[in-house]
Amino acid sequence: MIESLVTGKLFRDVEIKQSSKQTPYCNFMLSVPVGEDKPVLVSGIAFNEPAEKIARLKKGDALTVTGSLKPNQWTDKTTGETKHGLTLTVQDCLSAYDLKKRRD
């Protein structure tokens, strides 16, 4: 696994769920710009406080996450093609809603 800092925009709305042990979690997709090319989609999973923070966001909101990034692959069910992607297990997150205005 690769320890990473990833910034992008939520690809779709996120729903908070509860594990069998009542731990809050959410799955999400981030659209991450990579220069002039098409953005890369990174799937993620977050637990506890980061999951609750991410679940308050909506599609298109900016989000920065830190955690363990892992490459993965799967076979597309319709085409039979091998696809490649990235999955991130979140340790912490930050959005514009977390920032507080400071007055000097």
Protein backbone atom coordinates (compact mmCIF):
# COMPACT_ATOMS: atom_id res chain seq x y z
CA MET A 1 0.00 0.00 0.00
CA ILE A 2 1.00 3.59 -0.62
CA GLU A 3 0.43 6.34 1.96
CA SER A 4 -1.24 9.14 0.01
CA LEU A 5 -2.78 12.60 0.05
CA VAL A 6 -5.49 12.86 -2.62
CA THR A 7 -7.57 15.92 -3.56
CA GLY A 8 -10.56 15.84 -5.87
CA LYS A 9 -14.31 16.32 -6.15
CA LEU A 10 -16.97 13.86 -5.07
CA PHE A 11 -18.22 12.00 -8.12
CA ARG A 12 -21.64 11.32 -6.56
CA ASP A 13 -23.54 11.83 -3.30
CA VAL A 14 -22.39 9.71 -0.35
CA GLU A 15 -24.53 7.69 2.05
CA ILE A 16 -23.45 6.84 5.59
CA LYS A 17 -23.96 3.21 6.64
CA GLN A 18 -23.45 1.16 9.82
CA SER A 19 -21.37 -2.02 10.03
CA SER A 20 -22.63 -5.05 11.95
CA LYS A 21 -20.65 -3.68 14.93
CA GLN A 22 -22.42 -0.30 14.58
CA THR A 23 -19.33 1.43 13.16
CA PRO A 24 -20.28 4.25 10.77
CA TYR A 25 -18.70 3.99 7.31
CA CYS A 26 -19.17 5.28 3.78
CA ASN A 27 -17.97 4.40 0.30
CA PHE A 28 -17.27 7.23 -2.13
CA MET A 29 -15.70 8.09 -5.47
CA LEU A 30 -13.36 11.03 -6.03
CA SER A 31 -12.74 12.55 -9.43
CA VAL A 32 -9.06 13.57 -9.32
CA PRO A 33 -7.66 15.89 -12.03
CA VAL A 34 -4.39 14.77 -13.63
CA GLY A 35 -3.33 17.59 -15.93
CA GLU A 36 -4.95 17.77 -19.36
CA ASP A 37 -6.05 14.13 -19.38
CA LYS A 38 -9.40 12.82 -18.19
CA PRO A 39 -9.69 12.80 -14.39
CA VAL A 40 -8.87 9.59 -12.54
CA LEU A 41 -11.61 8.07 -10.40
CA VAL A 42 -10.43 6.92 -6.98
CA SER A 43 -12.80 4.81 -4.88
CA GLY A 44 -12.58 5.20 -1.15
CA ILE A 45 -13.88 3.91 2.15
CA ALA A 46 -13.92 5.83 5.42
CA PHE A 47 -14.89 4.84 8.95
CA ASN A 48 -16.04 6.67 12.09
CA GLU A 49 -15.53 10.47 12.18
CA PRO A 50 -14.06 10.81 8.66
CA ALA A 51 -17.03 8.83 7.29
CA GLU A 52 -19.50 11.14 9.02
CA LYS A 53 -17.70 14.23 7.68
CA ILE A 54 -17.58 12.88 4.11
CA ALA A 55 -21.24 11.80 4.20
CA ARG A 56 -22.31 15.43 4.85
CA LEU A 57 -20.85 16.47 1.49
CA LYS A 58 -22.63 16.38 -1.87
CA LYS A 59 -21.69 15.51 -5.44
CA GLY A 60 -19.14 18.04 -6.76
CA ASP A 61 -17.86 19.13 -3.33
CA ALA A 62 -14.06 19.35 -3.02
CA LEU A 63 -12.43 16.88 -0.62
CA THR A 64 -8.89 16.07 0.46
CA VAL A 65 -8.21 12.69 2.05
CA THR A 66 -5.17 10.93 3.47
CA GLY A 67 -4.77 7.20 3.78
CA SER A 68 -3.56 3.98 2.22
CA LEU A 69 -3.86 3.83 -1.56
CA LYS A 70 -3.97 0.43 -3.23
CA PRO A 71 -4.09 -0.43 -6.94
CA ASN A 72 -6.75 -2.95 -7.95
CA GLN A 73 -8.13 -4.62 -11.05
CA TRP A 74 -11.37 -6.27 -12.08
CA THR A 75 -13.08 -7.69 -15.13
CA ASP A 76 -15.81 -5.57 -16.72
CA LYS A 77 -18.95 -7.73 -16.75
CA THR A 78 -20.26 -6.31 -20.02
CA THR A 79 -17.07 -6.21 -22.12
CA GLY A 80 -14.89 -8.80 -20.40
CA GLU A 81 -12.05 -6.23 -20.35
CA THR A 82 -9.61 -6.06 -17.47
CA LYS A 83 -9.97 -2.67 -15.77
CA HIS A 84 -7.57 -0.98 -13.35
CA GLY A 85 -8.28 1.43 -10.52
CA LEU A 86 -7.24 2.83 -7.17
CA THR A 87 -8.84 2.28 -3.76
CA LEU A 88 -8.13 4.49 -0.75
CA THR A 89 -8.77 3.60 2.90
CA VAL A 90 -9.17 6.97 4.61
CA GLN A 91 -7.34 7.93 7.78
CA ASP A 92 -8.40 11.60 7.78
CA CYS A 93 -10.15 14.13 5.57
CA LEU A 94 -10.56 17.86 5.04
CA SER A 95 -13.16 19.85 3.12
CA ALA A 96 -13.88 23.55 2.80
CA TYR A 97 -16.58 23.11 5.46
CA ASP A 98 -13.90 22.16 8.02
CA LEU A 99 -12.10 25.47 7.70
CA LYS A 100 -13.01 28.23 10.12
CA LYS A 101 -12.53 31.90 9.40
CA ARG A 102 -9.85 33.59 11.47
CA ARG A 103 -9.82 37.22 12.35
CA ASP A 104 -6.55 38.84 13.22
